[in-house]
Amino acid sequence: MTARQSLHKICTLALQRRRQGLVQLMPQLEDTLRGSLMQRYLTCGNPNCKCAGGERHGPNWYFSVTLGPGATTGGTVAAEQRDRVRRWIENYHTVKQQMEKISAINRELPRRERKKIKRKK
C-alpha cells in the first residue's frame, strides 16, 4: 500500500492531528546539520614517526558536506564535539523524514477540499 493510499483512508480531522503531532516530534531546527561525520586515521609523513611503520594517528573526526557538484566543505571535529555533531546530523535526517510525511498530508488535504467543492456544485 502506498503512502497516498493509506492517507486516503484516514479522515480529515485525523490527518490534521497527525500533521500537528509530526510537527511536535521534530527536533529544534537550530540543532540540525546536513552532512557526514567520519573517522580517519592519518599518516603525518615524518619518516621517524610510528605512522611510517603502519601505526597511523587517530582516530580523527571529520565533518563533510557536499554543497553542489564538485563542491565539498567540512573540517575537523574535536572529540568533545563528536557526539553533539552526530546528534545534529541525526536530527537533520529526522526533520527531513517528518517533512516528507507532513508534505504527503498537505498534498492530500487540498485534494479533499477540491473534491468537497466539486460535490457541492
PDB file of N, CA and C in Angstrom:
ATOM      1  N   MET A   1       0.844  -1.178   0.000  1.00  0.00           N
ATOM      2  CA  MET A   1       0.000   0.000   0.000  1.00  0.00           C
ATOM      3  C   MET A   1       0.888   1.240   0.000  1.00  0.00           C
ATOM      4  N   THR A   2       0.613   2.190  -0.888  1.00  0.00           N
ATOM      5  CA  THR A   2       1.413   3.408  -0.952  1.00  0.00           C
ATOM      6  C   THR A   2       0.991   4.370   0.152  1.00  0.00           C
ATOM      7  N   ALA A   3       1.831   5.370   0.400  1.00  0.00           N
ATOM      8  CA  ALA A   3       1.528   6.356   1.436  1.00  0.00           C
ATOM      9  C   ALA A   3       0.240   7.100   1.107  1.00  0.00           C
ATOM     10  N   ARG A   4       0.053   7.405  -0.178  1.00  0.00           N
ATOM     11  CA  ARG A   4      -1.155   8.138  -0.575  1.00  0.00           C
ATOM     12  C   ARG A   4      -2.399   7.301  -0.325  1.00  0.00           C
ATOM     13  N   GLN A   5      -2.320   6.020  -0.628  1.00  0.00           N
ATOM     14  CA  GLN A   5      -3.464   5.142  -0.400  1.00  0.00           C
ATOM     15  C   GLN A   5      -3.797   5.058   1.086  1.00  0.00           C
ATOM     16  N   SER A   6      -2.790   4.992   1.934  1.00  0.00           N
ATOM     17  CA  SER A   6      -3.064   4.902   3.368  1.00  0.00           C
ATOM     18  C   SER A   6      -3.614   6.218   3.900  1.00  0.00           C
ATOM     19  N   LEU A   7      -3.136   7.367   3.405  1.00  0.00           N
ATOM     20  CA  LEU A   7      -3.666   8.659   3.820  1.00  0.00           C
ATOM     21  C   LEU A   7      -5.099   8.828   3.336  1.00  0.00           C
ATOM     22  N   HIS A   8      -5.396   8.252   2.195  1.00  0.00           N
ATOM     23  CA  HIS A   8      -6.719   8.353   1.590  1.00  0.00           C
ATOM     24  C   HIS A   8      -7.785   7.752   2.499  1.00  0.00           C
ATOM     25  N   LYS A   9      -7.417   6.779   3.305  1.00  0.00           N
ATOM     26  CA  LYS A   9      -8.374   6.075   4.162  1.00  0.00           C
ATOM     27  C   LYS A   9      -8.581   6.758   5.517  1.00  0.00           C
ATOM     28  N   ILE A  10      -7.784   7.781   5.832  1.00  0.00           N
ATOM     29  CA  ILE A  10      -7.850   8.445   7.134  1.00  0.00           C
ATOM     30  C   ILE A  10      -8.731   9.684   7.017  1.00  0.00           C
ATOM     31  N   CYS A  11      -9.564   9.935   8.016  1.00  0.00           N
ATOM     32  CA  CYS A  11     -10.445  11.106   7.967  1.00  0.00           C
ATOM     33  C   CYS A  11      -9.616  12.392   8.059  1.00  0.00           C
ATOM     34  N   THR A  12     -10.210  13.480   7.598  1.00  0.00           N
ATOM     35  CA  THR A  12      -9.506  14.761   7.520  1.00  0.00           C
ATOM     36  C   THR A  12      -9.039  15.233   8.893  1.00  0.00           C
ATOM     37  N   LEU A  13      -9.883  15.130   9.901  1.00  0.00           N
ATOM     38  CA  LEU A  13      -9.504  15.560  11.247  1.00  0.00           C
ATOM     39  C   LEU A  13      -8.301  14.762  11.752  1.00  0.00           C
ATOM     40  N   ALA A  14      -8.286  13.462  11.492  1.00  0.00           N
ATOM     41  CA  ALA A  14      -7.154  12.620  11.915  1.00  0.00           C
ATOM     42  C   ALA A  14      -5.878  13.023  11.180  1.00  0.00           C
ATOM     43  N   LEU A  15      -6.009  13.370   9.906  1.00  0.00           N
ATOM     44  CA  LEU A  15      -4.831  13.832   9.155  1.00  0.00           C
ATOM     45  C   LEU A  15      -4.285  15.129   9.748  1.00  0.00           C
ATOM     46  N   GLN A  16      -5.162  16.044  10.074  1.00  0.00           N
ATOM     47  CA  GLN A  16      -4.726  17.319  10.659  1.00  0.00           C
ATOM     48  C   GLN A  16      -4.042  17.092  12.008  1.00  0.00           C
ATOM     49  N   ARG A  17      -4.577  16.183  12.789  1.00  0.00           N
ATOM     50  CA  ARG A  17      -3.960  15.868  14.090  1.00  0.00           C
ATOM     51  C   ARG A  17      -2.618  15.168  13.909  1.00  0.00           C
ATOM     52  N   ARG A  18      -2.544  14.277  12.924  1.00  0.00           N
ATOM     53  CA  ARG A  18      -1.281  13.596  12.643  1.00  0.00           C
ATOM     54  C   ARG A  18      -0.219  14.620  12.247  1.00  0.00           C
ATOM     55  N   ARG A  19      -0.605  15.565  11.411  1.00  0.00           N
ATOM     56  CA  ARG A  19       0.321  16.617  10.978  1.00  0.00           C
ATOM     57  C   ARG A  19       0.822  17.413  12.179  1.00  0.00           C
ATOM     58  N   GLN A  20      -0.080  17.785  13.082  1.00  0.00           N
ATOM     59  CA  GLN A  20       0.327  18.520  14.286  1.00  0.00           C
ATOM     60  C   GLN A  20       1.283  17.693  15.138  1.00  0.00           C
ATOM     61  N   GLY A  21       0.992  16.408  15.262  1.00  0.00           N
ATOM     62  CA  GLY A  21       1.862  15.520  16.034  1.00  0.00           C
ATOM     63  C   GLY A  21       3.249  15.414  15.424  1.00  0.00           C
ATOM     64  N   LEU A  22       3.322  15.341  14.094  1.00  0.00           N
ATOM     65  CA  LEU A  22       4.621  15.273  13.418  1.00  0.00           C
ATOM     66  C   LEU A  22       5.432  16.538  13.675  1.00  0.00           C
ATOM     67  N   VAL A  23       4.765  17.674  13.652  1.00  0.00           N
ATOM     68  CA  VAL A  23       5.459  18.942  13.916  1.00  0.00           C
ATOM     69  C   VAL A  23       6.006  18.953  15.337  1.00  0.00           C
ATOM     70  N   GLN A  24       5.219  18.469  16.279  1.00  0.00           N
ATOM     71  CA  GLN A  24       5.663  18.466  17.679  1.00  0.00           C
ATOM     72  C   GLN A  24       6.821  17.505  17.928  1.00  0.00           C
ATOM     73  N   LEU A  25       6.926  16.462  17.116  1.00  0.00           N
ATOM     74  CA  LEU A  25       8.003  15.486  17.284  1.00  0.00           C
ATOM     75  C   LEU A  25       9.323  15.936  16.667  1.00  0.00           C
ATOM     76  N   MET A  26       9.299  17.024  15.918  1.00  0.00           N
ATOM     77  CA  MET A  26      10.525  17.477  15.243  1.00  0.00           C
ATOM     78  C   MET A  26      11.531  18.031  16.242  1.00  0.00           C
ATOM     79  N   PRO A  27      12.796  17.749  16.007  1.00  0.00           N
ATOM     80  CA  PRO A  27      13.839  18.374  16.836  1.00  0.00           C
ATOM     81  C   PRO A  27      13.894  19.872  16.536  1.00  0.00           C
ATOM     82  N   GLN A  28      14.507  20.612  17.428  1.00  0.00           N
ATOM     83  CA  GLN A  28      14.694  22.042  17.200  1.00  0.00           C
ATOM     84  C   GLN A  28      15.549  22.238  15.952  1.00  0.00           C
ATOM     85  N   LEU A  29      15.134  23.129  15.074  1.00  0.00           N
ATOM     86  CA  LEU A  29      15.856  23.329  13.823  1.00  0.00           C
ATOM     87  C   LEU A  29      17.274  23.852  14.032  1.00  0.00           C
ATOM     88  N   GLU A  30      17.495  24.578  15.118  1.00  0.00           N
ATOM     89  CA  GLU A  30      18.866  25.061  15.355  1.00  0.00           C
ATOM     90  C   GLU A  30      19.815  23.935  15.747  1.00  0.00           C
ATOM     91  N   ASP A  31      19.263  22.769  16.017  1.00  0.00           N
ATOM     92  CA  ASP A  31      20.082  21.605  16.366  1.00  0.00           C
ATOM     93  C   ASP A  31      20.130  20.601  15.218  1.00  0.00           C
ATOM     94  N   THR A  32      20.170  21.097  13.983  1.00  0.00           N
ATOM     95  CA  THR A  32      20.252  20.221  12.819  1.00  0.00           C
ATOM     96  C   THR A  32      21.469  20.587  11.978  1.00  0.00           C
ATOM     97  N   LEU A  33      22.000  19.587  11.320  1.00  0.00           N
ATOM     98  CA  LEU A  33      23.177  19.783  10.485  1.00  0.00           C
ATOM     99  C   LEU A  33      23.167  18.746   9.370  1.00  0.00           C
ATOM    100  N   ARG A  34      23.235  19.224   8.130  1.00  0.00           N
ATOM    101  CA  ARG A  34      23.303  18.312   6.990  1.00  0.00           C
ATOM    102  C   ARG A  34      24.763  17.989   6.721  1.00  0.00           C
ATOM    103  N   GLY A  35      25.082  16.734   6.613  1.00  0.00           N
ATOM    104  CA  GLY A  35      26.449  16.341   6.318  1.00  0.00           C
ATOM    105  C   GLY A  35      26.753  14.954   6.835  1.00  0.00           C
ATOM    106  N   SER A  36      28.030  14.641   6.840  1.00  0.00           N
ATOM    107  CA  SER A  36      28.501  13.326   7.285  1.00  0.00           C
ATOM    108  C   SER A  36      29.622  13.507   8.287  1.00  0.00           C
ATOM    109  N   LEU A  37      29.680  12.592   9.215  1.00  0.00           N
ATOM    110  CA  LEU A  37      30.751  12.565  10.205  1.00  0.00           C
ATOM    111  C   LEU A  37      31.529  11.282   9.971  1.00  0.00           C
ATOM    112  N   MET A  38      32.834  11.426   9.801  1.00  0.00           N
ATOM    113  CA  MET A  38      33.638  10.239   9.546  1.00  0.00           C
ATOM    114  C   MET A  38      34.886  10.221  10.408  1.00  0.00           C
ATOM    115  N   GLN A  39      35.364   9.029  10.634  1.00  0.00           N
ATOM    116  CA  GLN A  39      36.550   8.795  11.443  1.00  0.00           C
ATOM    117  C   GLN A  39      37.687   8.431  10.500  1.00  0.00           C
ATOM    118  N   ARG A  40      38.842   9.060  10.740  1.00  0.00           N
ATOM    119  CA  ARG A  40      40.001   8.780   9.885  1.00  0.00           C
ATOM    120  C   ARG A  40      41.240   8.556  10.741  1.00  0.00           C
ATOM    121  N   TYR A  41      42.139   7.772  10.168  1.00  0.00           N
ATOM    122  CA  TYR A  41      43.464   7.562  10.751  1.00  0.00           C
ATOM    123  C   TYR A  41      44.459   8.055   9.708  1.00  0.00           C
ATOM    124  N   LEU A  42      45.396   8.881  10.137  1.00  0.00           N
ATOM    125  CA  LEU A  42      46.279   9.562   9.194  1.00  0.00           C
ATOM    126  C   LEU A  42      47.748   9.226   9.407  1.00  0.00           C
ATOM    127  N   THR A  43      48.509   9.483   8.366  1.00  0.00           N
ATOM    128  CA  THR A  43      49.968   9.439   8.465  1.00  0.00           C
ATOM    129  C   THR A  43      50.473  10.864   8.316  1.00  0.00           C
ATOM    130  N   CYS A  44      51.506  11.205   9.075  1.00  0.00           N
ATOM    131  CA  CYS A  44      51.989  12.586   9.083  1.00  0.00           C
ATOM    132  C   CYS A  44      53.114  12.830   8.071  1.00  0.00           C
ATOM    133  N   GLY A  45      53.741  11.784   7.579  1.00  0.00           N
ATOM    134  CA  GLY A  45      54.811  11.958   6.601  1.00  0.00           C
ATOM    135  C   GLY A  45      56.202  11.994   7.208  1.00  0.00           C
ATOM    136  N   ASN A  46      56.308  12.047   8.516  1.00  0.00           N
ATOM    137  CA  ASN A  46      57.612  12.036   9.182  1.00  0.00           C
ATOM    138  C   ASN A  46      58.164  10.603   9.126  1.00  0.00           C
ATOM    139  N   PRO A  47      59.329  10.402   8.497  1.00  0.00           N
ATOM    140  CA  PRO A  47      59.862   9.040   8.358  1.00  0.00           C
ATOM    141  C   PRO A  47      60.238   8.394   9.698  1.00  0.00           C
ATOM    142  N   ASN A  48      60.433   9.195  10.756  1.00  0.00           N
ATOM    143  CA  ASN A  48      60.793   8.657  12.071  1.00  0.00           C
ATOM    144  C   ASN A  48      59.587   8.413  12.977  1.00  0.00           C
ATOM    145  N   CYS A  49      58.402   8.692  12.485  1.00  0.00           N
ATOM    146  CA  CYS A  49      57.183   8.575  13.288  1.00  0.00           C
ATOM    147  C   CYS A  49      56.657   7.144  13.255  1.00  0.00           C
ATOM    148  N   LYS A  50      55.879   6.797  14.260  1.00  0.00           N
ATOM    149  CA  LYS A  50      55.262   5.463  14.335  1.00  0.00           C
ATOM    150  C   LYS A  50      54.356   5.199  13.139  1.00  0.00           C
ATOM    151  N   CYS A  51      53.775   6.260  12.565  1.00  0.00           N
ATOM    152  CA  CYS A  51      52.855   6.054  11.438  1.00  0.00           C
ATOM    153  C   CYS A  51      53.598   5.603  10.186  1.00  0.00           C
ATOM    154  N   ALA A  52      54.899   5.864  10.120  1.00  0.00           N
ATOM    155  CA  ALA A  52      55.678   5.399   8.971  1.00  0.00           C
ATOM    156  C   ALA A  52      55.770   3.872   8.981  1.00  0.00           C
ATOM    157  N   GLY A  53      55.616   3.287  10.159  1.00  0.00           N
ATOM    158  CA  GLY A  53      55.645   1.830  10.289  1.00  0.00           C
ATOM    159  C   GLY A  53      54.261   1.201  10.216  1.00  0.00           C
ATOM    160  N   GLY A  54      53.250   2.009   9.942  1.00  0.00           N
ATOM    161  CA  GLY A  54      51.896   1.472   9.765  1.00  0.00           C
ATOM    162  C   GLY A  54      50.927   1.794  10.887  1.00  0.00           C
ATOM    163  N   GLU A  55      51.428   2.280  12.029  1.00  0.00           N
ATOM    164  CA  GLU A  55      50.531   2.627  13.144  1.00  0.00           C
ATOM    165  C   GLU A  55      50.121   4.089  12.995  1.00  0.00           C
ATOM    166  N   ARG A  56      49.016   4.316  12.332  1.00  0.00           N
ATOM    167  CA  ARG A  56      48.614   5.684  11.968  1.00  0.00           C
ATOM    168  C   ARG A  56      48.047   6.456  13.160  1.00  0.00           C
ATOM    169  N   HIS A  57      48.008   7.781  13.024  1.00  0.00           N
ATOM    170  CA  HIS A  57      47.468   8.685  14.047  1.00  0.00           C
ATOM    171  C   HIS A  57      45.948   8.679  13.983  1.00  0.00           C
ATOM    172  N   GLY A  58      45.337   8.718  15.141  1.00  0.00           N
ATOM    173  CA  GLY A  58      43.881   8.815  15.148  1.00  0.00           C
ATOM    174  C   GLY A  58      43.282   8.083  16.325  1.00  0.00           C
ATOM    175  N   PRO A  59      42.005   8.039  16.378  1.00  0.00           N
ATOM    176  CA  PRO A  59      41.099   8.484  15.327  1.00  0.00           C
ATOM    177  C   PRO A  59      40.943  10.010  15.319  1.00  0.00           C
ATOM    178  N   ASN A  60      40.781  10.540  14.137  1.00  0.00           N
ATOM    179  CA  ASN A  60      40.462  11.946  13.933  1.00  0.00           C
ATOM    180  C   ASN A  60      39.058  11.997  13.328  1.00  0.00           C
ATOM    181  N   TRP A  61      38.248  12.941  13.780  1.00  0.00           N
ATOM    182  CA  TRP A  61      36.870  13.061  13.311  1.00  0.00           C
ATOM    183  C   TRP A  61      36.749  14.221  12.351  1.00  0.00           C
ATOM    184  N   TYR A  62      36.085  13.975  11.245  1.00  0.00           N
ATOM    185  CA  TYR A  62      35.886  14.991  10.207  1.00  0.00           C
ATOM    186  C   TYR A  62      34.413  15.104   9.860  1.00  0.00           C
ATOM    187  N   PHE A  63      34.001  16.341   9.630  1.00  0.00           N
ATOM    188  CA  PHE A  63      32.662  16.631   9.156  1.00  0.00           C
ATOM    189  C   PHE A  63      32.772  17.046   7.696  1.00  0.00           C
ATOM    190  N   SER A  64      31.855  16.544   6.872  1.00  0.00           N
ATOM    191  CA  SER A  64      31.882  16.869   5.453  1.00  0.00           C
ATOM    192  C   SER A  64      30.459  17.102   4.957  1.00  0.00           C
ATOM    193  N   VAL A  65      30.301  18.098   4.090  1.00  0.00           N
ATOM    194  CA  VAL A  65      29.006  18.351   3.461  1.00  0.00           C
ATOM    195  C   VAL A  65      29.240  18.719   2.006  1.00  0.00           C
ATOM    196  N   THR A  66      28.437  18.135   1.127  1.00  0.00           N
ATOM    197  CA  THR A  66      28.519  18.449  -0.293  1.00  0.00           C
ATOM    198  C   THR A  66      27.603  19.630  -0.563  1.00  0.00           C
ATOM    199  N   LEU A  67      28.167  20.696  -1.115  1.00  0.00           N
ATOM    200  CA  LEU A  67      27.409  21.912  -1.394  1.00  0.00           C
ATOM    201  C   LEU A  67      26.807  21.899  -2.785  1.00  0.00           C
ATOM    202  N   GLY A  68      27.401  21.143  -3.661  1.00  0.00           N
ATOM    203  CA  GLY A  68      26.944  21.053  -5.039  1.00  0.00           C
ATOM    204  C   GLY A  68      27.907  20.169  -5.795  1.00  0.00           C
ATOM    205  N   PRO A  69      27.692  20.040  -7.094  1.00  0.00           N
ATOM    206  CA  PRO A  69      28.604  19.211  -7.890  1.00  0.00           C
ATOM    207  C   PRO A  69      30.057  19.695  -7.764  1.00  0.00           C
ATOM    208  N   GLY A  70      30.904  18.853  -7.238  1.00  0.00           N
ATOM    209  CA  GLY A  70      32.317  19.173  -7.103  1.00  0.00           C
ATOM    210  C   GLY A  70      32.650  20.141  -5.981  1.00  0.00           C
ATOM    211  N   ALA A  71      31.672  20.513  -5.159  1.00  0.00           N
ATOM    212  CA  ALA A  71      31.917  21.470  -4.078  1.00  0.00           C
ATOM    213  C   ALA A  71      31.618  20.819  -2.731  1.00  0.00           C
ATOM    214  N   THR A  72      32.671  20.599  -1.958  1.00  0.00           N
ATOM    215  CA  THR A  72      32.544  19.979  -0.643  1.00  0.00           C
ATOM    216  C   THR A  72      33.242  20.861   0.370  1.00  0.00           C
ATOM    217  N   THR A  73      32.695  20.916   1.567  1.00  0.00           N
ATOM    218  CA  THR A  73      33.332  21.661   2.641  1.00  0.00           C
ATOM    219  C   THR A  73      33.251  20.816   3.907  1.00  0.00           C
ATOM    220  N   GLY A  74      33.975  21.202   4.895  1.00  0.00           N
ATOM    221  CA  GLY A  74      33.965  20.475   6.160  1.00  0.00           C
ATOM    222  C   GLY A  74      35.185  20.829   6.969  1.00  0.00           C
ATOM    223  N   GLY A  75      35.447  20.019   7.949  1.00  0.00           N
ATOM    224  CA  GLY A  75      36.603  20.276   8.790  1.00  0.00           C
ATOM    225  C   GLY A  75      36.709  19.271   9.907  1.00  0.00           C
ATOM    226  N   THR A  76      37.713  19.492  10.732  1.00  0.00           N
ATOM    227  CA  THR A  76      37.973  18.617  11.862  1.00  0.00           C
ATOM    228  C   THR A  76      36.961  18.881  12.960  1.00  0.00           C
ATOM    229  N   VAL A  77      36.542  17.814  13.625  1.00  0.00           N
ATOM    230  CA  VAL A  77      35.634  17.911  14.760  1.00  0.00           C
ATOM    231  C   VAL A  77      36.382  17.381  15.977  1.00  0.00           C
ATOM    232  N   ALA A  78      36.446  18.191  17.026  1.00  0.00           N
ATOM    233  CA  ALA A  78      37.109  17.756  18.256  1.00  0.00           C
ATOM    234  C   ALA A  78      36.348  16.580  18.860  1.00  0.00           C
ATOM    235  N   ALA A  79      37.060  15.710  19.535  1.00  0.00           N
ATOM    236  CA  ALA A  79      36.440  14.532  20.148  1.00  0.00           C
ATOM    237  C   ALA A  79      35.303  14.936  21.083  1.00  0.00           C
ATOM    238  N   GLU A  80      35.443  16.064  21.766  1.00  0.00           N
ATOM    239  CA  GLU A  80      34.412  16.550  22.690  1.00  0.00           C
ATOM    240  C   GLU A  80      33.156  16.997  21.943  1.00  0.00           C
ATOM    241  N   GLN A  81      33.283  17.350  20.682  1.00  0.00           N
ATOM    242  CA  GLN A  81      32.150  17.823  19.881  1.00  0.00           C
ATOM    243  C   GLN A  81      31.478  16.695  19.090  1.00  0.00           C
ATOM    244  N   ARG A  82      32.124  15.568  18.994  1.00  0.00           N
ATOM    245  CA  ARG A  82      31.675  14.481  18.128  1.00  0.00           C
ATOM    246  C   ARG A  82      30.233  14.069  18.399  1.00  0.00           C
ATOM    247  N   ASP A  83      29.871  13.835  19.646  1.00  0.00           N
ATOM    248  CA  ASP A  83      28.519  13.367  19.958  1.00  0.00           C
ATOM    249  C   ASP A  83      27.469  14.422  19.607  1.00  0.00           C
ATOM    250  N   ARG A  84      27.789  15.684  19.858  1.00  0.00           N
ATOM    251  CA  ARG A  84      26.852  16.754  19.525  1.00  0.00           C
ATOM    252  C   ARG A  84      26.667  16.858  18.021  1.00  0.00           C
ATOM    253  N   VAL A  85      27.750  16.799  17.255  1.00  0.00           N
ATOM    254  CA  VAL A  85      27.664  16.865  15.795  1.00  0.00           C
ATOM    255  C   VAL A  85      26.894  15.653  15.265  1.00  0.00           C
ATOM    256  N   ARG A  86      27.142  14.498  15.799  1.00  0.00           N
ATOM    257  CA  ARG A  86      26.423  13.291  15.384  1.00  0.00           C
ATOM    258  C   ARG A  86      24.921  13.447  15.646  1.00  0.00           C
ATOM    259  N   ARG A  87      24.563  13.989  16.816  1.00  0.00           N
ATOM    260  CA  ARG A  87      23.160  14.205  17.165  1.00  0.00           C
ATOM    261  C   ARG A  87      22.517  15.209  16.202  1.00  0.00           C
ATOM    262  N   TRP A  88      23.234  16.275  15.842  1.00  0.00           N
ATOM    263  CA  TRP A  88      22.705  17.271  14.901  1.00  0.00           C
ATOM    264  C   TRP A  88      22.434  16.630  13.538  1.00  0.00           C
ATOM    265  N   ILE A  89      23.328  15.763  13.106  1.00  0.00           N
ATOM    266  CA  ILE A  89      23.147  15.083  11.810  1.00  0.00           C
ATOM    267  C   ILE A  89      21.932  14.151  11.878  1.00  0.00           C
ATOM    268  N   GLU A  90      21.795  13.417  12.970  1.00  0.00           N
ATOM    269  CA  GLU A  90      20.617  12.559  13.146  1.00  0.00           C
ATOM    270  C   GLU A  90      19.339  13.397  13.157  1.00  0.00           C
ATOM    271  N   ASN A  91      19.370  14.546  13.814  1.00  0.00           N
ATOM    272  CA  ASN A  91      18.221  15.449  13.847  1.00  0.00           C
ATOM    273  C   ASN A  91      17.853  15.913  12.441  1.00  0.00           C
ATOM    274  N   TYR A  92      18.857  16.195  11.628  1.00  0.00           N
ATOM    275  CA  TYR A  92      18.593  16.612  10.245  1.00  0.00           C
ATOM    276  C   TYR A  92      17.808  15.521   9.508  1.00  0.00           C
ATOM    277  N   HIS A  93      18.210  14.282   9.659  1.00  0.00           N
ATOM    278  CA  HIS A  93      17.526  13.180   8.983  1.00  0.00           C
ATOM    279  C   HIS A  93      16.097  13.013   9.515  1.00  0.00           C
ATOM    280  N   THR A  94      15.911  13.216  10.817  1.00  0.00           N
ATOM    281  CA  THR A  94      14.570  13.143  11.400  1.00  0.00           C
ATOM    282  C   THR A  94      13.689  14.244  10.838  1.00  0.00           C
ATOM    283  N   VAL A  95      14.206  15.466  10.785  1.00  0.00           N
ATOM    284  CA  VAL A  95      13.443  16.589  10.234  1.00  0.00           C
ATOM    285  C   VAL A  95      13.058  16.305   8.789  1.00  0.00           C
ATOM    286  N   LYS A  96      13.991  15.803   8.028  1.00  0.00           N
ATOM    287  CA  LYS A  96      13.727  15.511   6.614  1.00  0.00           C
ATOM    288  C   LYS A  96      12.614  14.464   6.474  1.00  0.00           C
ATOM    289  N   GLN A  97      12.664  13.418   7.287  1.00  0.00           N
ATOM    290  CA  GLN A  97      11.633  12.377   7.239  1.00  0.00           C
ATOM    291  C   GLN A  97      10.269  12.932   7.652  1.00  0.00           C
ATOM    292  N   GLN A  98      10.253  13.732   8.723  1.00  0.00           N
ATOM    293  CA  GLN A  98       8.986  14.308   9.190  1.00  0.00           C
ATOM    294  C   GLN A  98       8.408  15.265   8.147  1.00  0.00           C
ATOM    295  N   MET A  99       9.279  16.049   7.499  1.00  0.00           N
ATOM    296  CA  MET A  99       8.817  16.978   6.465  1.00  0.00           C
ATOM    297  C   MET A  99       8.189  16.229   5.298  1.00  0.00           C
ATOM    298  N   GLU A 100       8.733  15.087   4.932  1.00  0.00           N
ATOM    299  CA  GLU A 100       8.147  14.291   3.854  1.00  0.00           C
ATOM    300  C   GLU A 100       6.752  13.803   4.239  1.00  0.00           C
ATOM    301  N   LYS A 101       6.581  13.386   5.483  1.00  0.00           N
ATOM    302  CA  LYS A 101       5.271  12.928   5.950  1.00  0.00           C
ATOM    303  C   LYS A 101       4.268  14.084   5.987  1.00  0.00           C
ATOM    304  N   ILE A 102       4.718  15.236   6.472  1.00  0.00           N
ATOM    305  CA  ILE A 102       3.853  16.419   6.517  1.00  0.00           C
ATOM    306  C   ILE A 102       3.470  16.840   5.102  1.00  0.00           C
ATOM    307  N   SER A 103       4.424  16.803   4.194  1.00  0.00           N
ATOM    308  CA  SER A 103       4.148  17.159   2.801  1.00  0.00           C
ATOM    309  C   SER A 103       3.114  16.227   2.186  1.00  0.00           C
ATOM    310  N   ALA A 104       3.198  14.950   2.490  1.00  0.00           N
ATOM    311  CA  ALA A 104       2.216  13.994   1.969  1.00  0.00           C
ATOM    312  C   ALA A 104       0.818  14.340   2.476  1.00  0.00           C
ATOM    313  N   ILE A 105       0.717  14.684   3.744  1.00  0.00           N
ATOM    314  CA  ILE A 105      -0.574  15.089   4.306  1.00  0.00           C
ATOM    315  C   ILE A 105      -1.044  16.379   3.633  1.00  0.00           C
ATOM    316  N   ASN A 106      -0.134  17.325   3.454  1.00  0.00           N
ATOM    317  CA  ASN A 106      -0.505  18.605   2.844  1.00  0.00           C
ATOM    318  C   ASN A 106      -0.866  18.463   1.365  1.00  0.00           C
ATOM    319  N   ARG A 107      -0.440  17.422   0.719  1.00  0.00           N
ATOM    320  CA  ARG A 107      -0.892  17.150  -0.655  1.00  0.00           C
ATOM    321  C   ARG A 107      -2.303  16.559  -0.634  1.00  0.00           C
ATOM    322  N   GLU A 108      -2.585  15.765   0.378  1.00  0.00           N
ATOM    323  CA  GLU A 108      -3.887  15.099   0.475  1.00  0.00           C
ATOM    324  C   GLU A 108      -5.001  16.075   0.873  1.00  0.00           C
ATOM    325  N   LEU A 109      -4.742  16.987   1.797  1.00  0.00           N
ATOM    326  CA  LEU A 109      -5.794  17.873   2.293  1.00  0.00           C
ATOM    327  C   LEU A 109      -6.408  18.762   1.201  1.00  0.00           C
ATOM    328  N   PRO A 110      -5.619  19.445   0.357  1.00  0.00           N
ATOM    329  CA  PRO A 110      -6.247  20.245  -0.711  1.00  0.00           C
ATOM    330  C   PRO A 110      -7.006  19.387  -1.725  1.00  0.00           C
ATOM    331  N   ARG A 111      -6.524  18.171  -1.955  1.00  0.00           N
ATOM    332  CA  ARG A 111      -7.231  17.265  -2.863  1.00  0.00           C
ATOM    333  C   ARG A 111      -8.633  16.996  -2.329  1.00  0.00           C
ATOM    334  N   ARG A 112      -8.740  16.794  -1.033  1.00  0.00           N
ATOM    335  CA  ARG A 112     -10.046  16.555  -0.409  1.00  0.00           C
ATOM    336  C   ARG A 112     -10.933  17.791  -0.494  1.00  0.00           C
ATOM    337  N   GLU A 113     -10.325  18.962  -0.291  1.00  0.00           N
ATOM    338  CA  GLU A 113     -11.100  20.208  -0.377  1.00  0.00           C
ATOM    339  C   GLU A 113     -11.659  20.399  -1.786  1.00  0.00           C
ATOM    340  N   ARG A 114     -10.852  20.118  -2.809  1.00  0.00           N
ATOM    341  CA  ARG A 114     -11.327  20.238  -4.196  1.00  0.00           C
ATOM    342  C   ARG A 114     -12.481  19.279  -4.442  1.00  0.00           C
ATOM    343  N   LYS A 115     -12.352  18.070  -3.934  1.00  0.00           N
ATOM    344  CA  LYS A 115     -13.387  17.055  -4.100  1.00  0.00           C
ATOM    345  C   LYS A 115     -14.698  17.515  -3.439  1.00  0.00           C
ATOM    346  N   LYS A 116     -14.561  18.100  -2.248  1.00  0.00           N
ATOM    347  CA  LYS A 116     -15.709  18.577  -1.485  1.00  0.00           C
ATOM    348  C   LYS A 116     -16.409  19.715  -2.227  1.00  0.00           C
ATOM    349  N   ILE A 117     -15.637  20.631  -2.795  1.00  0.00           N
ATOM    350  CA  ILE A 117     -16.194  21.753  -3.548  1.00  0.00           C
ATOM    351  C   ILE A 117     -16.933  21.247  -4.789  1.00  0.00           C
ATOM    352  N   LYS A 118     -16.352  20.280  -5.481  1.00  0.00           N
ATOM    353  CA  LYS A 118     -16.998  19.716  -6.681  1.00  0.00           C
ATOM    354  C   LYS A 118     -18.332  19.074  -6.342  1.00  0.00           C
ATOM    355  N   ARG A 119     -18.416  18.422  -5.178  1.00  0.00           N
ATOM    356  CA  ARG A 119     -19.654  17.753  -4.786  1.00  0.00           C
ATOM    357  C   ARG A 119     -20.756  18.761  -4.486  1.00  0.00           C
ATOM    358  N   LYS A 120     -20.385  19.939  -3.963  1.00  0.00           N
ATOM    359  CA  LYS A 120     -21.371  20.962  -3.608  1.00  0.00           C
ATOM    360  C   LYS A 120     -21.987  21.607  -4.860  1.00  0.00           C
ATOM    361  N   LYS A 121     -21.252  21.597  -5.968  1.00  0.00           N
ATOM    362  CA  LYS A 121     -21.742  22.238  -7.193  1.00  0.00           C
ATOM    363  C   LYS A 121     -22.815  21.463  -7.863  1.00  0.00           C
TER     364      LYS A 121
END
